Amino acid sequence: MKRRVNETKFQIQWGDTDRAGIVYYPNYYKWFDLAGHNFFRSIEMSPKYLEEEKKIIIPLLEAKCSFEKPLYYDDEVIVYTHVEELKTKTIQFHHEVYCGEKRTGYGYEIRAWTSIEGVGFKAVPIPENIKRLLMGN
């Protein structure tokens, strides 16, 4: 089965590094967030569209990252993102960060498909047509 993979490309900025000139680790979580949002944009369902038109937000429930190699100022990076698991109300994104041929880190995010209609927020089932789009079917 072919799965949808999205690529988020960028260059490491000076402000992303610590005093030693190495990327400061919380930036990986920032990039995972960006890559997850870009994944939705790639299927023409930007988070803004979801919120304004569908009354759905996709809050983060859990995130984890493993770091393998350092990144430095001016490195060109690609984050590869795919849906690892879809449950009734949650989506697990898998992210891999590469600089050239070297994987520098990987991890995941779990997000809830959450309605903002009515009072408060409530996790709701992900529609089947959206599941197919997320998986690349």
C-alpha atoms as a PDB file:
ATOM      1  CA  MET A   1       0.000   0.000   0.000  1.00  0.00           C
ATOM      2  CA  LYS A   2       1.379   3.373  -1.005  1.00  0.00           C
ATOM      3  CA  ARG A   3       1.204   6.035   1.672  1.00  0.00           C
ATOM      4  CA  ARG A   4       1.236   9.786   1.286  1.00  0.00           C
ATOM      5  CA  VAL A   5       4.567  11.365   2.283  1.00  0.00           C
ATOM      6  CA  ASN A   6       4.969  15.110   2.518  1.00  0.00           C
ATOM      7  CA  GLU A   7       8.279  17.005   2.455  1.00  0.00           C
ATOM      8  CA  THR A   8       8.946  20.213   4.382  1.00  0.00           C
ATOM      9  CA  LYS A   9      12.197  21.899   3.322  1.00  0.00           C
ATOM     10  CA  PHE A  10      14.023  24.747   5.036  1.00  0.00           C
ATOM     11  CA  GLN A  11      17.432  26.075   5.968  1.00  0.00           C
ATOM     12  CA  ILE A  12      18.707  26.243   9.555  1.00  0.00           C
ATOM     13  CA  GLN A  13      18.707  29.831  10.798  1.00  0.00           C
ATOM     14  CA  TRP A  14      21.267  31.284  13.197  1.00  0.00           C
ATOM     15  CA  GLY A  15      18.555  31.724  15.848  1.00  0.00           C
ATOM     16  CA  ASP A  16      17.872  27.955  15.754  1.00  0.00           C
ATOM     17  CA  THR A  17      21.306  27.194  17.213  1.00  0.00           C
ATOM     18  CA  ASP A  18      22.723  27.234  20.721  1.00  0.00           C
ATOM     19  CA  ARG A  19      25.993  28.756  21.925  1.00  0.00           C
ATOM     20  CA  ALA A  20      27.931  25.795  20.482  1.00  0.00           C
ATOM     21  CA  GLY A  21      26.426  26.448  17.029  1.00  0.00           C
ATOM     22  CA  ILE A  22      24.336  23.264  17.138  1.00  0.00           C
ATOM     23  CA  VAL A  23      20.582  23.284  16.598  1.00  0.00           C
ATOM     24  CA  TYR A  24      18.822  23.665  19.939  1.00  0.00           C
ATOM     25  CA  TYR A  25      16.751  20.499  20.465  1.00  0.00           C
ATOM     26  CA  PRO A  26      13.265  22.081  20.971  1.00  0.00           C
ATOM     27  CA  ASN A  27      13.413  23.220  17.345  1.00  0.00           C
ATOM     28  CA  TYR A  28      12.721  19.649  16.266  1.00  0.00           C
ATOM     29  CA  TYR A  29       9.297  19.906  17.903  1.00  0.00           C
ATOM     30  CA  LYS A  30       8.695  23.221  16.130  1.00  0.00           C
ATOM     31  CA  TRP A  31       9.600  21.558  12.826  1.00  0.00           C
ATOM     32  CA  PHE A  32       7.342  18.576  13.553  1.00  0.00           C
ATOM     33  CA  ASP A  33       4.482  21.006  14.144  1.00  0.00           C
ATOM     34  CA  LEU A  34       5.246  22.826  10.886  1.00  0.00           C
ATOM     35  CA  ALA A  35       5.537  19.543   8.973  1.00  0.00           C
ATOM     36  CA  GLY A  36       2.226  18.255  10.367  1.00  0.00           C
ATOM     37  CA  HIS A  37       0.457  21.464   9.350  1.00  0.00           C
ATOM     38  CA  ASN A  38       2.115  21.286   5.928  1.00  0.00           C
ATOM     39  CA  PHE A  39       0.850  17.726   5.574  1.00  0.00           C
ATOM     40  CA  PHE A  40      -2.714  19.036   5.973  1.00  0.00           C
ATOM     41  CA  ARG A  41      -1.975  21.830   3.500  1.00  0.00           C
ATOM     42  CA  SER A  42      -0.759  19.226   0.985  1.00  0.00           C
ATOM     43  CA  ILE A  43      -4.244  17.686   0.943  1.00  0.00           C
ATOM     44  CA  GLU A  44      -5.867  21.131   0.665  1.00  0.00           C
ATOM     45  CA  MET A  45      -7.038  21.142   4.277  1.00  0.00           C
ATOM     46  CA  SER A  46      -4.954  23.815   5.929  1.00  0.00           C
ATOM     47  CA  PRO A  47      -5.457  24.173   9.679  1.00  0.00           C
ATOM     48  CA  LYS A  48      -7.032  27.576   8.999  1.00  0.00           C
ATOM     49  CA  TYR A  49      -9.489  26.013   6.522  1.00  0.00           C
ATOM     50  CA  LEU A  50     -10.310  23.208   8.974  1.00  0.00           C
ATOM     51  CA  GLU A  51     -11.016  25.684  11.749  1.00  0.00           C
ATOM     52  CA  GLU A  52     -12.972  28.244   9.755  1.00  0.00           C
ATOM     53  CA  GLU A  53     -14.882  25.985   7.368  1.00  0.00           C
ATOM     54  CA  LYS A  54     -15.137  22.653   9.184  1.00  0.00           C
ATOM     55  CA  LYS A  55     -14.996  23.867  12.809  1.00  0.00           C
ATOM     56  CA  ILE A  56     -12.188  21.371  13.458  1.00  0.00           C
ATOM     57  CA  ILE A  57      -8.867  21.934  15.177  1.00  0.00           C
ATOM     58  CA  ILE A  58      -6.036  19.413  15.521  1.00  0.00           C
ATOM     59  CA  PRO A  59      -4.455  19.933  18.946  1.00  0.00           C
ATOM     60  CA  LEU A  60      -1.314  18.092  19.943  1.00  0.00           C
ATOM     61  CA  LEU A  61      -1.743  15.325  22.521  1.00  0.00           C
ATOM     62  CA  GLU A  62       1.727  13.786  22.549  1.00  0.00           C
ATOM     63  CA  ALA A  63       5.113  14.216  20.885  1.00  0.00           C
ATOM     64  CA  LYS A  64       8.444  12.406  21.016  1.00  0.00           C
ATOM     65  CA  CYS A  65      11.755  12.950  19.284  1.00  0.00           C
ATOM     66  CA  SER A  66      14.987  10.976  19.073  1.00  0.00           C
ATOM     67  CA  PHE A  67      18.121  12.863  18.092  1.00  0.00           C
ATOM     68  CA  GLU A  68      20.807  11.099  16.050  1.00  0.00           C
ATOM     69  CA  LYS A  69      23.179  13.684  14.563  1.00  0.00           C
ATOM     70  CA  PRO A  70      23.692  17.422  15.101  1.00  0.00           C
ATOM     71  CA  LEU A  71      22.493  20.100  12.707  1.00  0.00           C
ATOM     72  CA  TYR A  72      24.271  23.427  12.222  1.00  0.00           C
ATOM     73  CA  TYR A  73      23.571  26.938  11.003  1.00  0.00           C
ATOM     74  CA  ASP A  74      22.877  27.075   7.244  1.00  0.00           C
ATOM     75  CA  ASP A  75      22.268  23.314   6.889  1.00  0.00           C
ATOM     76  CA  GLU A  76      19.510  22.464   4.428  1.00  0.00           C
ATOM     77  CA  VAL A  77      16.931  20.196   5.990  1.00  0.00           C
ATOM     78  CA  ILE A  78      13.991  18.112   4.816  1.00  0.00           C
ATOM     79  CA  VAL A  79      11.356  16.732   7.180  1.00  0.00           C
ATOM     80  CA  TYR A  80       9.548  13.730   5.694  1.00  0.00           C
ATOM     81  CA  THR A  81       6.094  13.220   7.197  1.00  0.00           C
ATOM     82  CA  HIS A  82       3.520  10.474   6.861  1.00  0.00           C
ATOM     83  CA  VAL A  83       0.553   9.192   8.823  1.00  0.00           C
ATOM     84  CA  GLU A  84       1.751   6.256  10.888  1.00  0.00           C
ATOM     85  CA  GLU A  85      -1.579   5.420  12.494  1.00  0.00           C
ATOM     86  CA  LEU A  86      -5.180   6.572  12.256  1.00  0.00           C
ATOM     87  CA  LYS A  87      -7.598   5.803  15.029  1.00  0.00           C
ATOM     88  CA  THR A  88     -11.211   6.868  15.355  1.00  0.00           C
ATOM     89  CA  LYS A  89     -10.385  10.343  16.708  1.00  0.00           C
ATOM     90  CA  THR A  90      -6.601  10.642  16.526  1.00  0.00           C
ATOM     91  CA  ILE A  91      -3.838  10.886  13.931  1.00  0.00           C
ATOM     92  CA  GLN A  92      -0.247   9.847  14.555  1.00  0.00           C
ATOM     93  CA  PHE A  93       2.265  11.562  12.290  1.00  0.00           C
ATOM     94  CA  HIS A  94       5.756  10.115  11.872  1.00  0.00           C
ATOM     95  CA  HIS A  95       8.525  12.603  11.057  1.00  0.00           C
ATOM     96  CA  GLU A  96      12.086  12.007   9.870  1.00  0.00           C
ATOM     97  CA  VAL A  97      14.574  14.879   9.653  1.00  0.00           C
ATOM     98  CA  TYR A  98      17.332  14.683   7.030  1.00  0.00           C
ATOM     99  CA  CYS A  99      20.315  16.813   6.109  1.00  0.00           C
ATOM    100  CA  GLY A 100      21.426  15.460   2.757  1.00  0.00           C
ATOM    101  CA  GLU A 101      21.521  11.668   3.037  1.00  0.00           C
ATOM    102  CA  LYS A 102      21.914  11.677   6.835  1.00  0.00           C
ATOM    103  CA  ARG A 103      18.944  11.252   9.108  1.00  0.00           C
ATOM    104  CA  THR A 104      19.490  13.576  12.055  1.00  0.00           C
ATOM    105  CA  GLY A 105      16.402  12.739  14.075  1.00  0.00           C
ATOM    106  CA  TYR A 106      12.936  11.255  14.001  1.00  0.00           C
ATOM    107  CA  GLY A 107       9.787  11.213  16.065  1.00  0.00           C
ATOM    108  CA  TYR A 108       6.052  11.454  16.137  1.00  0.00           C
ATOM    109  CA  GLU A 109       3.090  13.595  17.062  1.00  0.00           C
ATOM    110  CA  ILE A 110      -0.379  12.445  18.063  1.00  0.00           C
ATOM    111  CA  ARG A 111      -3.144  14.914  17.273  1.00  0.00           C
ATOM    112  CA  ALA A 112      -6.872  14.824  18.047  1.00  0.00           C
ATOM    113  CA  TRP A 113      -9.597  15.573  15.488  1.00  0.00           C
ATOM    114  CA  THR A 114     -11.457  18.090  17.633  1.00  0.00           C
ATOM    115  CA  SER A 115     -14.724  19.938  17.079  1.00  0.00           C
ATOM    116  CA  ILE A 116     -14.985  23.545  18.239  1.00  0.00           C
ATOM    117  CA  GLU A 117     -18.733  23.748  17.625  1.00  0.00           C
ATOM    118  CA  GLY A 118     -20.916  24.284  20.640  1.00  0.00           C
ATOM    119  CA  VAL A 119     -19.493  24.767  24.115  1.00  0.00           C
ATOM    120  CA  GLY A 120     -15.893  23.726  24.603  1.00  0.00           C
ATOM    121  CA  PHE A 121     -13.794  21.327  22.568  1.00  0.00           C
ATOM    122  CA  LYS A 122     -14.684  17.710  21.865  1.00  0.00           C
ATOM    123  CA  ALA A 123     -12.751  14.985  20.055  1.00  0.00           C
ATOM    124  CA  VAL A 124     -14.939  13.606  17.264  1.00  0.00           C
ATOM    125  CA  PRO A 125     -14.551  10.774  14.738  1.00  0.00           C
ATOM    126  CA  ILE A 126     -12.418  11.520  11.682  1.00  0.00           C
ATOM    127  CA  PRO A 127     -14.630  11.242   8.572  1.00  0.00           C
ATOM    128  CA  GLU A 128     -13.787   8.327   6.252  1.00  0.00           C
ATOM    129  CA  ASN A 129     -13.110  10.613   3.274  1.00  0.00           C
ATOM    130  CA  ILE A 130     -10.545  12.520   5.362  1.00  0.00           C
ATOM    131  CA  LYS A 131      -8.933   9.257   6.474  1.00  0.00           C
ATOM    132  CA  ARG A 132      -8.506   8.233   2.840  1.00  0.00           C
ATOM    133  CA  LEU A 133      -6.895  11.593   2.008  1.00  0.00           C
ATOM    134  CA  LEU A 134      -4.546  11.371   4.991  1.00  0.00           C
ATOM    135  CA  MET A 135      -3.424   7.876   4.025  1.00  0.00           C
ATOM    136  CA  GLY A 136      -3.031   8.724   0.343  1.00  0.00           C
ATOM    137  CA  ASN A 137      -5.797   6.452  -0.927  1.00  0.00           C
END
